[in-house]
Amino acid sequence: MIRVVAVKELRELLRDGRFRLAAAVVLGLLLAALVFGWRHAQAVKAERTAAQSIARAAWTGQGDKNPHIAAHYGMYVFKPAGVLAFVDPGADPYLGVTLKLEAHKQQLPQDAPAQDGTAIDRFGQLSAAAVLQLLVPLLIIALGFASWSGERERGTLRQLAATGVLPRRLLAGKALGLALTLALLLVPVALVATATVVAAGESATAARLAVLLGAYAAYFGVIIAVTLAASAWAQSSRAALVALLGFWCVTTLVVPRLASDAAGRLLPLPTAAALAQAVHSTLATGLPNGLPREEHIDTLSKALLAKHGFAGAETMMDDALLQGLELQAEAEYENAVFDHHVGAVMTSMAHQEQVGQWAAIASPMLAIRLLSMALAGTDFDHHRAFGRQAEAYRRGLVGAMNDDFARNAGAAGWQYKANRKLWHQAVPFAYRPAAVDQVLRDQQVALAMLALWAVGATLAAVLVSRRMQVL
């Protein structure tokens, strides 16, 4: 019976000219978004790879100079595009991609692509994720709002009830029919995207895409269940359509905006100028509730002397070695200051994201948007990971330069110069995105909210279908 009902629903929907028109529009937008997204992602990848090569050549090609001066010279690194940015660009257009690594400074990524965009770009880009999150639910609503109410208005629902068919079987058949209709539209697109990723030889990306497709399937299942529940509950098809359009507006437009505003008000972030001023002040005076600057650096210097076996023997040490250790102690003090201030900002941002995740209890679209960006590698977690990895690389680079100065300067002191051999010893920076399992752990609240919506919507559809009026 479930199969019979599903086939009947599928035939009716395919014969509906409105469905063919709406499906053609959605399919055209989806394919266009994927094609242009893929071309843009490949162009960005090539551009940033070339820029990274130029920056590497500038570092290895610098002439002979003091290693600490080379640390001040520094190098630029560039954030790669998200692994599935062609599907969901997420927050990438609004986050910095260029980062300079140098001694005594921890900087935040600069040069967000949106800064070079036009005024119309503020309305957002056409992306496959936007089509899937916003337009496909509208298509499901258009297809299913009259699934139950239309049967009641035509009098066929009474005939079905007279045959003794259980409501849950009718519900399963109608849900399956809607899902099959949607699959005819979306499965070919999903296969094309998967084949493209597999052909590129990116197995890790293919794993992310598989999980992403599963998440979208769950999201569409929620919308189908909500649509069928509204159709069974409403007194007429018109009332069902109005209720479902209201649900779409609230969950896709209102709740995400309210969640963003609430997070910003509850957990405000300092401006870039205020953060820079706080860092500058702490570098000059010392950490709050800690030792003054000079005492802190002196404590770190003594720890480094003890680590290298020179505790109490400073007067017998080579001046260059002592200066090199002092430079490293100063760098470690600066790192502690950076960790204090930048870490506080990052913690506040993480708390803001948690507010957004919990707000998904009022919007399945918010849950899938968070999951989509995370799996595409275009959310703030990946941006923050890029910053952490770049900062770890900077500290290692500065430490290596100071260590070379301490070990090899000798009597030459600050006149000592290293050559290209030292510059080449610094391995190129390579950003490593998180594995899929780590992404899912980071987004466990959003996953839970999507699962809660799936269970709740299904139960609502079952309960309402059992109690609906036949006449």
Protein backbone atom coordinates (compact mmCIF):
# COMPACT_ATOMS: atom_id res chain seq x y z
CA MET A 1 0.00 0.00 0.00
CA ILE A 2 2.87 2.38 0.81
CA ARG A 3 4.36 1.72 -2.62
CA VAL A 4 1.04 2.23 -4.36
CA VAL A 5 0.43 5.54 -2.60
CA ALA A 6 3.99 6.69 -3.32
CA VAL A 7 3.67 5.90 -7.03
CA LYS A 8 0.31 7.66 -7.17
CA GLU A 9 1.76 10.79 -5.51
CA LEU A 10 4.78 10.72 -7.80
CA ARG A 11 2.62 10.49 -10.95
CA GLU A 12 0.38 13.34 -9.85
CA LEU A 13 3.30 15.60 -9.07
CA LEU A 14 5.12 14.83 -12.32
CA ARG A 15 1.99 15.61 -14.32
CA ASP A 16 1.61 18.98 -12.61
CA GLY A 17 2.92 21.71 -14.89
CA ARG A 18 3.66 23.94 -11.90
CA PHE A 19 6.07 21.33 -10.60
CA ARG A 20 7.88 21.12 -13.91
CA LEU A 21 8.28 24.88 -14.03
CA ALA A 22 9.42 25.21 -10.42
CA ALA A 23 11.75 22.23 -10.73
CA ALA A 24 13.32 23.67 -13.88
CA VAL A 25 13.98 26.99 -12.12
CA VAL A 26 15.48 25.35 -9.02
CA LEU A 27 17.53 22.91 -11.08
CA GLY A 28 18.84 25.69 -13.30
CA LEU A 29 19.84 27.82 -10.33
CA LEU A 30 21.45 24.87 -8.59
CA LEU A 31 23.51 23.82 -11.62
CA ALA A 32 24.54 27.41 -12.31
CA ALA A 33 25.58 27.88 -8.69
CA LEU A 34 27.67 24.69 -8.76
CA VAL A 35 29.37 25.52 -12.06
CA PHE A 36 30.21 29.10 -11.17
CA GLY A 37 31.12 28.08 -7.62
CA TRP A 38 33.55 25.44 -8.91
CA ARG A 39 35.16 27.84 -11.36
CA HIS A 40 35.50 30.51 -8.67
CA ALA A 41 36.92 28.04 -6.15
CA GLN A 42 39.51 26.81 -8.64
CA ALA A 43 40.49 30.39 -9.52
CA VAL A 44 40.88 31.29 -5.84
CA LYS A 45 42.92 28.14 -5.23
CA ALA A 46 45.28 28.92 -8.10
CA GLU A 47 45.58 32.56 -7.04
CA ARG A 48 46.45 31.80 -3.43
CA THR A 49 48.81 28.96 -4.38
CA ALA A 50 50.69 31.35 -6.67
CA ALA A 51 50.78 34.03 -3.97
CA GLN A 52 52.13 31.51 -1.45
CA SER A 53 54.85 30.49 -3.90
CA ILE A 54 55.87 34.12 -4.39
CA ALA A 55 55.94 34.68 -0.63
CA ARG A 56 58.07 31.57 -0.16
CA ALA A 57 60.47 32.70 -2.86
CA ALA A 58 60.76 36.11 -1.19
CA TRP A 59 61.68 34.44 2.11
CA THR A 60 64.23 31.99 0.71
CA GLY A 61 65.63 34.60 -1.67
CA GLN A 62 66.51 37.22 0.93
CA GLY A 63 70.18 38.02 1.16
CA ASP A 64 72.60 37.41 4.00
CA LYS A 65 71.39 39.05 7.19
CA ASN A 66 71.15 38.63 10.92
CA PRO A 67 68.60 35.86 11.75
CA HIS A 68 66.63 38.09 14.12
CA ILE A 69 66.43 40.76 11.41
CA ALA A 70 65.10 38.01 9.11
CA ALA A 71 62.47 37.20 11.74
CA HIS A 72 61.42 40.87 11.60
CA TYR A 73 61.35 40.64 7.79
CA GLY A 74 58.93 37.75 8.17
CA MET A 75 56.81 36.09 5.53
CA TYR A 76 53.22 36.07 4.28
CA VAL A 77 50.93 33.05 4.37
CA PHE A 78 47.56 32.71 2.66
CA LYS A 79 44.53 30.77 3.81
CA PRO A 80 43.45 28.15 1.26
CA ALA A 81 39.85 28.17 0.11
CA GLY A 82 37.46 25.86 1.94
CA VAL A 83 37.54 22.26 0.80
CA LEU A 84 33.94 22.48 -0.46
CA ALA A 85 33.71 26.21 -1.01
CA PHE A 86 32.14 25.63 -4.42
CA VAL A 87 29.11 24.18 -2.61
CA ASP A 88 28.98 26.55 0.34
CA PRO A 89 31.25 29.64 0.48
CA GLY A 90 30.00 30.23 4.02
CA ALA A 91 31.83 32.98 5.89
CA ASP A 92 34.97 32.82 3.73
CA PRO A 93 34.18 35.96 1.68
CA TYR A 94 33.98 38.01 4.88
CA LEU A 95 37.11 36.70 6.64
CA GLY A 96 40.71 37.69 6.04
CA VAL A 97 42.96 35.47 3.95
CA THR A 98 46.37 37.17 4.22
CA LEU A 99 48.55 36.91 7.30
CA LYS A 100 52.05 38.27 7.87
CA LEU A 101 54.24 36.31 10.25
CA GLU A 102 57.00 38.31 11.93
CA ALA A 103 58.83 38.71 15.24
CA HIS A 104 57.17 40.53 18.16
CA LYS A 105 53.74 40.65 16.47
CA GLN A 106 50.72 38.41 16.25
CA GLN A 107 48.41 39.67 13.58
CA LEU A 108 44.94 38.64 12.49
CA PRO A 109 44.18 37.66 8.88
CA GLN A 110 43.50 40.63 6.63
CA ASP A 111 42.16 41.34 3.12
CA ALA A 112 38.73 39.71 3.16
CA PRO A 113 37.49 39.11 -0.43
CA ALA A 114 34.26 41.00 0.34
CA GLN A 115 36.29 44.20 0.70
CA ASP A 116 36.81 44.16 -3.07
CA GLY A 117 33.18 43.33 -3.81
CA THR A 118 30.53 45.59 -5.22
CA ALA A 119 27.52 46.93 -3.32
CA ILE A 120 25.30 44.17 -4.70
CA ASP A 121 27.62 41.56 -3.15
CA ARG A 122 26.30 42.60 0.26
CA PHE A 123 23.08 40.79 -0.57
CA GLY A 124 25.04 37.53 -0.69
CA GLN A 125 26.30 35.22 -3.37
CA LEU A 126 24.30 32.70 -5.33
CA SER A 127 25.56 29.37 -4.05
CA ALA A 128 24.40 25.78 -4.14
CA ALA A 129 23.98 25.93 -0.36
CA ALA A 130 21.66 28.95 -0.63
CA VAL A 131 19.49 27.17 -3.19
CA LEU A 132 19.35 24.02 -1.08
CA GLN A 133 18.63 25.83 2.18
CA LEU A 134 16.14 28.42 0.92
CA LEU A 135 14.57 27.44 -2.39
CA VAL A 136 14.29 23.67 -2.15
CA PRO A 137 12.15 23.95 1.03
CA LEU A 138 9.86 26.30 -0.88
CA LEU A 139 9.64 23.70 -3.64
CA ILE A 140 8.75 21.00 -1.10
CA ILE A 141 6.04 23.25 0.35
CA ALA A 142 4.67 23.94 -3.13
CA LEU A 143 4.55 20.21 -3.85
CA GLY A 144 3.11 18.98 -0.58
CA PHE A 145 0.93 21.65 0.99
CA ALA A 146 -2.21 20.03 -0.48
CA SER A 147 -1.18 16.39 0.08
CA TRP A 148 -3.86 15.80 2.75
CA SER A 149 -6.05 18.89 2.48
CA GLY A 150 -6.42 18.48 -1.28
CA GLU A 151 -7.58 14.89 -0.82
CA ARG A 152 -10.14 16.09 1.73
CA GLU A 153 -11.41 18.86 -0.55
CA ARG A 154 -11.79 16.47 -3.49
CA GLY A 155 -13.54 13.84 -1.35
CA THR A 156 -10.98 11.14 -2.10
CA LEU A 157 -9.69 11.09 1.48
CA ARG A 158 -13.06 9.74 2.67
CA GLN A 159 -12.87 6.99 0.06
CA LEU A 160 -9.36 6.05 1.20
CA ALA A 161 -10.47 5.96 4.82
CA ALA A 162 -13.38 3.68 3.85
CA THR A 163 -10.96 1.08 2.47
CA GLY A 164 -9.47 0.67 5.95
CA VAL A 165 -5.98 1.83 5.03
CA LEU A 166 -4.08 2.89 8.14
CA PRO A 167 -3.21 6.61 8.27
CA ARG A 168 0.43 5.85 8.98
CA ARG A 169 0.69 3.91 5.72
CA LEU A 170 -0.90 6.73 3.80
CA LEU A 171 1.54 9.13 5.49
CA ALA A 172 4.53 6.94 4.64
CA GLY A 173 3.38 6.67 1.03
CA LYS A 174 2.87 10.40 0.65
CA ALA A 175 6.24 11.14 2.27
CA LEU A 176 7.94 8.60 0.01
CA GLY A 177 6.25 10.08 -3.05
CA LEU A 178 7.47 13.58 -2.15
CA ALA A 179 10.97 12.26 -1.45
CA LEU A 180 11.13 10.40 -4.78
CA THR A 181 9.98 13.49 -6.65
CA LEU A 182 12.66 15.54 -4.96
CA ALA A 183 15.26 12.83 -5.59
CA LEU A 184 14.60 12.98 -9.34
CA LEU A 185 15.69 16.61 -9.17
CA LEU A 186 18.56 16.52 -6.69
CA VAL A 187 20.23 13.11 -6.99
CA PRO A 188 21.69 13.78 -10.47
CA VAL A 189 23.16 17.06 -9.20
CA ALA A 190 24.62 15.28 -6.17
CA LEU A 191 26.16 12.62 -8.42
CA VAL A 192 27.75 15.28 -10.61
CA ALA A 193 29.25 17.04 -7.57
CA THR A 194 30.52 13.75 -6.15
CA ALA A 195 32.05 12.67 -9.47
CA THR A 196 33.80 16.05 -9.76
CA VAL A 197 35.34 15.74 -6.30
CA VAL A 198 36.34 12.09 -6.80
CA ALA A 199 37.89 12.88 -10.18
CA ALA A 200 40.00 15.54 -8.49
CA GLY A 201 41.50 12.79 -6.31
CA GLU A 202 40.50 14.40 -3.01
CA SER A 203 39.35 11.50 -0.86
CA ALA A 204 39.07 13.60 2.32
CA THR A 205 36.86 16.07 0.46
CA ALA A 206 34.72 13.21 -0.87
CA ALA A 207 34.15 12.03 2.72
CA ARG A 208 33.06 15.51 3.73
CA LEU A 209 30.72 15.73 0.74
CA ALA A 210 29.12 12.37 1.62
CA VAL A 211 28.35 13.55 5.16
CA LEU A 212 27.13 16.89 3.81
CA LEU A 213 24.70 15.18 1.43
CA GLY A 214 23.41 13.09 4.31
CA ALA A 215 22.83 16.22 6.41
CA TYR A 216 20.87 17.88 3.59
CA ALA A 217 18.81 14.71 3.13
CA ALA A 218 17.87 14.90 6.83
CA TYR A 219 16.99 18.59 6.44
CA PHE A 220 14.72 17.89 3.49
CA GLY A 221 13.13 15.07 5.47
CA VAL A 222 12.28 17.58 8.20
CA ILE A 223 10.66 19.94 5.69
CA ILE A 224 8.66 17.07 4.15
CA ALA A 225 7.38 15.99 7.58
CA VAL A 226 6.46 19.55 8.55
CA THR A 227 4.67 20.05 5.23
CA LEU A 228 2.62 16.87 5.59
CA ALA A 229 1.79 17.70 9.21
CA ALA A 230 0.54 21.18 8.23
CA SER A 231 -1.47 19.77 5.33
CA ALA A 232 -3.16 17.25 7.61
CA TRP A 233 -3.82 19.81 10.36
CA ALA A 234 -5.15 22.70 8.24
CA GLN A 235 -8.82 22.99 7.38
CA SER A 236 -8.03 23.88 3.77
CA SER A 237 -5.16 23.87 1.30
CA ARG A 238 -5.03 27.65 1.43
CA ALA A 239 -4.62 27.62 5.22
CA ALA A 240 -1.90 24.97 4.93
CA LEU A 241 -0.01 27.04 2.37
CA VAL A 242 -0.22 30.20 4.48
CA ALA A 243 0.96 28.34 7.59
CA LEU A 244 3.88 26.73 5.76
CA LEU A 245 4.99 30.00 4.17
CA GLY A 246 4.89 31.58 7.63
CA PHE A 247 6.99 28.70 8.97
CA TRP A 248 9.50 29.21 6.14
CA CYS A 249 9.76 32.96 6.74
CA VAL A 250 10.25 32.60 10.49
CA THR A 251 12.77 29.76 10.37
CA THR A 252 14.84 31.00 7.43
CA LEU A 253 14.70 34.78 7.80
CA VAL A 254 13.68 35.80 11.31
CA VAL A 255 15.30 33.28 13.66
CA PRO A 256 18.82 33.40 12.12
CA ARG A 257 18.83 37.20 12.30
CA LEU A 258 17.56 37.23 15.89
CA ALA A 259 20.17 34.64 16.89
CA SER A 260 22.96 36.71 15.33
CA ASP A 261 21.80 39.91 17.04
CA ALA A 262 21.36 38.14 20.39
CA ALA A 263 24.86 36.65 20.24
CA GLY A 264 26.34 40.06 19.44
CA ARG A 265 24.52 41.74 22.32
CA LEU A 266 25.13 39.04 24.91
CA LEU A 267 28.80 38.54 24.00
CA PRO A 268 30.10 41.78 22.46
CA LEU A 269 33.56 41.76 20.89
CA PRO A 270 36.14 44.53 21.16
CA THR A 271 36.92 46.60 18.10
CA ALA A 272 40.20 46.02 16.28
CA ALA A 273 41.52 49.34 17.62
CA ALA A 274 40.56 48.47 21.21
CA LEU A 275 42.21 45.06 20.92
CA ALA A 276 45.40 46.57 19.52
CA GLN A 277 45.50 49.16 22.31
CA ALA A 278 44.99 46.50 24.99
CA VAL A 279 47.79 44.36 23.55
CA HIS A 280 50.14 47.35 23.31
CA SER A 281 49.43 48.38 26.91
CA THR A 282 49.96 44.86 28.27
CA LEU A 283 53.19 44.41 26.31
CA ALA A 284 54.54 47.56 27.96
CA THR A 285 53.40 46.90 31.54
CA GLY A 286 52.70 43.20 32.05
CA LEU A 287 49.81 40.77 32.18
CA PRO A 288 46.89 41.54 34.51
CA ASN A 289 47.47 40.03 37.97
CA GLY A 290 50.92 38.97 36.83
CA LEU A 291 54.50 40.12 37.12
CA PRO A 292 55.62 43.40 35.57
CA ARG A 293 57.10 43.12 32.10
CA GLU A 294 60.80 43.13 33.06
CA GLU A 295 60.34 40.70 35.94
CA HIS A 296 58.32 38.36 33.74
CA ILE A 297 60.99 38.39 31.02
CA ASP A 298 63.72 37.90 33.64
CA THR A 299 61.88 34.85 35.00
CA LEU A 300 61.59 33.39 31.51
CA SER A 301 65.28 34.10 30.84
CA LYS A 302 66.31 32.23 33.97
CA ALA A 303 64.13 29.29 32.97
CA LEU A 304 65.78 29.19 29.53
CA LEU A 305 69.25 29.40 31.09
CA ALA A 306 68.41 26.49 33.37
CA LYS A 307 66.98 24.53 30.42
CA HIS A 308 70.26 24.91 28.50
CA GLY A 309 72.44 24.23 31.55
CA PHE A 310 73.71 27.79 32.09
CA ALA A 311 71.93 28.65 35.35
CA GLY A 312 74.21 30.82 37.48
CA ALA A 313 76.88 30.98 34.80
CA GLU A 314 75.71 34.03 32.87
CA THR A 315 79.04 35.82 33.22
CA MET A 316 80.83 32.91 31.57
CA MET A 317 78.49 32.74 28.61
CA ASP A 318 79.14 34.08 25.16
CA ASP A 319 77.38 37.44 24.75
CA ALA A 320 75.61 36.34 21.56
CA LEU A 321 74.28 33.20 23.25
CA LEU A 322 73.00 35.20 26.19
CA GLN A 323 71.38 37.77 23.89
CA GLY A 324 69.79 35.01 21.84
CA LEU A 325 68.22 33.46 24.92
CA GLU A 326 67.02 36.86 26.09
CA LEU A 327 65.42 37.44 22.69
CA GLN A 328 63.63 34.12 23.00
CA ALA A 329 62.48 34.98 26.54
CA GLU A 330 61.07 38.26 25.25
CA ALA A 331 59.30 36.39 22.44
CA GLU A 332 57.76 33.97 24.95
CA TYR A 333 56.52 36.89 27.06
CA GLU A 334 54.94 38.46 23.98
CA ASN A 335 53.34 35.11 23.13
CA ALA A 336 51.78 34.99 26.61
CA VAL A 337 50.34 38.49 26.07
CA PHE A 338 48.97 37.54 22.64
CA ASP A 339 47.44 34.35 24.05
CA HIS A 340 45.75 36.35 26.81
CA HIS A 341 44.08 38.95 24.60
CA VAL A 342 43.54 37.11 21.32
CA GLY A 343 42.51 33.99 23.22
CA ALA A 344 39.82 35.95 25.06
CA VAL A 345 38.43 37.25 21.75
CA MET A 346 38.44 33.77 20.22
CA THR A 347 36.69 32.37 23.28
CA SER A 348 33.96 35.01 22.98
CA MET A 349 33.54 34.17 19.30
CA ALA A 350 33.25 30.48 20.14
CA HIS A 351 30.53 31.32 22.69
CA GLN A 352 28.72 33.37 20.05
CA GLU A 353 28.75 30.34 17.77
CA GLN A 354 27.31 28.21 20.56
CA VAL A 355 24.43 30.68 20.87
CA GLY A 356 23.79 30.18 17.16
CA GLN A 357 23.91 26.40 17.52
CA TRP A 358 21.41 26.38 20.37
CA ALA A 359 19.16 28.79 18.49
CA ALA A 360 18.77 26.03 15.88
CA ILE A 361 16.13 24.57 18.18
CA ALA A 362 13.84 27.17 16.62
CA SER A 363 15.07 26.75 13.04
CA PRO A 364 16.16 23.63 11.13
CA MET A 365 17.66 25.93 8.49
CA LEU A 366 20.04 27.36 11.08
CA ALA A 367 21.18 23.86 12.01
CA ILE A 368 21.85 22.82 8.40
CA ARG A 369 23.57 26.13 7.65
CA LEU A 370 26.02 25.62 10.49
CA LEU A 371 26.66 22.02 9.47
CA SER A 372 27.01 22.95 5.81
CA MET A 373 29.61 25.65 6.46
CA ALA A 374 31.53 23.41 8.85
CA LEU A 375 31.67 20.46 6.44
CA ALA A 376 32.54 22.78 3.55
CA GLY A 377 35.45 24.17 5.59
CA THR A 378 34.16 27.73 5.31
CA ASP A 379 32.99 28.42 8.87
CA PHE A 380 34.75 30.41 11.57
CA ASP A 381 36.12 27.26 13.23
CA HIS A 382 38.26 26.57 10.15
CA HIS A 383 39.27 30.23 9.99
CA ARG A 384 40.30 30.09 13.64
CA ALA A 385 42.24 26.86 13.01
CA PHE A 386 44.13 28.56 10.18
CA GLY A 387 45.07 31.39 12.55
CA ARG A 388 46.22 28.97 15.26
CA GLN A 389 48.34 26.94 12.86
CA ALA A 390 49.87 30.06 11.34
CA GLU A 391 50.68 31.43 14.81
CA ALA A 392 52.31 28.14 15.84
CA TYR A 393 54.37 28.30 12.65
CA ARG A 394 55.35 31.92 13.39
CA ARG A 395 56.54 31.04 16.87
CA GLY A 396 58.56 28.13 15.57
CA LEU A 397 60.09 30.32 12.87
CA VAL A 398 61.04 33.10 15.30
CA GLY A 399 62.41 30.53 17.74
CA ALA A 400 64.56 28.96 15.01
CA MET A 401 65.96 32.37 14.01
CA ASN A 402 66.76 33.29 17.63
CA ASP A 403 68.31 29.88 18.22
CA ASP A 404 70.59 30.24 15.20
CA PHE A 405 71.69 33.67 16.41
CA ALA A 406 72.40 32.33 19.90
CA ARG A 407 74.38 29.34 18.65
CA ASN A 408 76.36 30.80 15.77
CA ALA A 409 76.80 34.56 16.25
CA GLY A 410 79.77 34.20 18.59
CA ALA A 411 82.09 37.17 18.75
CA ALA A 412 80.42 38.76 15.70
CA GLY A 413 77.33 39.48 17.80
CA TRP A 414 74.78 41.56 15.93
CA GLN A 415 77.12 41.72 12.95
CA TYR A 416 76.63 37.99 12.39
CA LYS A 417 74.78 37.13 9.17
CA ALA A 418 73.12 33.90 8.14
CA ASN A 419 72.66 32.86 4.54
CA ARG A 420 70.08 31.15 2.35
CA LYS A 421 70.83 27.78 3.88
CA LEU A 422 69.06 28.89 7.06
CA TRP A 423 66.11 30.37 5.16
CA HIS A 424 65.57 27.09 3.31
CA GLN A 425 65.57 25.14 6.59
CA ALA A 426 62.23 26.70 7.45
CA VAL A 427 59.71 24.24 6.01
CA PRO A 428 56.86 25.83 4.01
CA PHE A 429 53.69 26.56 5.92
CA ALA A 430 50.89 24.08 5.21
CA TYR A 431 47.38 24.50 6.57
CA ARG A 432 45.71 21.24 7.61
CA PRO A 433 41.89 21.30 7.81
CA ALA A 434 40.22 19.25 10.50
CA ALA A 435 39.10 15.69 9.83
CA VAL A 436 35.41 14.95 9.34
CA ASP A 437 35.02 13.37 12.78
CA GLN A 438 36.50 16.47 14.43
CA VAL A 439 34.12 18.71 12.48
CA LEU A 440 31.15 16.67 13.65
CA ARG A 441 32.34 16.83 17.26
CA ASP A 442 32.61 20.60 17.00
CA GLN A 443 29.09 20.77 15.58
CA GLN A 444 27.48 18.23 17.89
CA VAL A 445 24.91 20.77 19.13
CA ALA A 446 23.82 21.59 15.57
CA LEU A 447 23.67 17.86 14.81
CA ALA A 448 21.54 17.28 17.88
CA MET A 449 19.20 20.12 16.91
CA LEU A 450 18.76 18.72 13.39
CA ALA A 451 18.07 15.25 14.80
CA LEU A 452 15.60 16.75 17.26
CA TRP A 453 13.79 18.50 14.42
CA ALA A 454 13.69 15.26 12.42
CA VAL A 455 12.20 13.29 15.30
CA GLY A 456 9.80 16.05 16.32
CA ALA A 457 8.54 16.73 12.81
CA THR A 458 8.03 13.01 12.14
CA LEU A 459 6.09 12.51 15.37
CA ALA A 460 3.97 15.58 14.62
CA ALA A 461 3.15 14.28 11.15
CA VAL A 462 2.17 10.86 12.54
CA LEU A 463 0.02 12.24 15.36
CA VAL A 464 -1.76 14.82 13.20
CA SER A 465 -2.46 12.28 10.42
CA ARG A 466 -4.10 9.95 12.97
CA ARG A 467 -6.43 12.65 14.29
CA MET A 468 -7.21 14.60 11.14
CA GLN A 469 -10.75 15.11 9.96
CA VAL A 470 -11.77 13.07 6.94
CA LEU A 471 -14.61 15.38 5.94
